[in-house]
Amino acid sequence: MLRKQIVWSLFEKMMKSVTAIATLSLISRSLSELNFGEYVTLVSLGGVFLALTNIGAESLIPKIISKKDSGSEFYLLKLTATFLFCMIFLIICFTYYRNISWQYILIFSISFFCYFYSYSEYVANQKRLISLFSKISISIQSISLLLKGLYVYYGGDNIVFWLCIFSVEYLLTGLISYLLLKEPVTFKGIDKSKLQLMMKDVSFILLSSATIAAYMRIDTLMISYYLGSDAAGKYFAGSRLSEGVYFIGISVANIFYSQTLRDNIAEKKTVSRDIKKYILFLFVLGVAGTSFINLFSNMAINFLYGKEFSVSAKILSIHSISIAFVFIGGYLSRLYIGCGYAKKNFRRTFFSLIINVALVYYMIPHFGISGAAYAMVISQIFSSFIMFIIDKEFMSRLAKGKI
């Protein structure tokens, strides 16, 4: 059963990666350099706040499903987060990115409400129905990619199309999954004590997610600020490909976390041994991803974006260095929160953000976009691996299989 879940999840994430890569390639061919830079800026900034609306669903949903709770407290907090972060996104855009058309900003803001059911993947994971979610996601991505290809083939060059289809993909994947998984959203029977406890955990999870999202996008935004939208677009083209590979490892990490949680609740004696096995698997998978990228980075960039984006291949190769650590970190971070270390998790991610911002601030003027890529790698290795290893209490719990 676990192997089947991994295969389907890998297939779905590989399809998602291919779709994301192909989409960016099509957008670069469809839009002018100015519009492409605006799209990248909106997606980079908006992606930060979209991620925050998840409010730690990857850690909270498995617990809600395994305990057979209604989850009404979670849904209330998620709805609140959707409105809150949408407003923050709009305020930042209208204040600091006045060069971007207000119509484009408002259109992109719709994606916040289309993203509401994004937690469905974690419901499917915990219910061992990831194959169902994967089939839905793959179908929608395939249809979407076909429509995008036809749009570019017939000369489409409007940024509004790309902003709208970005939102529609999230809406259809989440909504159809929600309907078929039959896990109802309810706001009835909210327990105030549970809500307060969840709010405390969510507050630290949000702070952690904010810092993670920030250091995943701060490089692109700082490049856009210091070097212009054209440089940001070329950097984003390379980093986006590496993020496509991240999807694969993180999806496997989600499955391993759900399985670890089930085994821990069942009080199996193999939990500690299985954790080590999962970490080793993620490391090997990450090394394979790094090797693959370094072999084909130049070919992929030239094919997808053309020779004018040749610098993006270097960005891709640099980012690939940290893949194995990102995979392991995706699993360890879920275990960390599961152990009740939400507050410590925030400190971990915030410290990593400070390191990344300082490095990016120093390295962009000296090394350009390549410097930003190296800064990202250093901060990812520190955040995804080193900070967990030096936490003796956490390592001791993993060694004993006490999650």
Foldseek 3Di string as FASTA:
>chain_A
DLVVLLVLLLVLLLLVLVLLLLLLLLLLLQEDLVLNLVVLVLCLLVVLLLLLLCLPLLQPVLVCVVVVHLCLLVLVSSVVSLVVSLVVQLVCCVPPVVVDDNVLSVLLSLLSVLQSLVSLCLLCLLVVNNNVLSVQLSVLSVVLSVVSVVCVVVRHRDSSVVSNSVSVSSNRSRVVSCVVSVSDHDNPPDDPVVSVVSCVLSVLSSLLSSLVSCLLRVLLVVLCVPVNSSLSSLQCSLSSSLVSLLSSLLSSLSNLLSVLVVCVVVVPQCSLVVLVVSLVVLLVSLVVQLVVLVVCLQVSCCVSHNPVSNVSSLLNNLLSVQRSLSSQLSNLLSVCVVVVNSNVSSVLSNVLSVQLVVQSVPQCVPPNSSSNSNSSSVSSNSSRPVVQVPPVVNVVCSNRSND
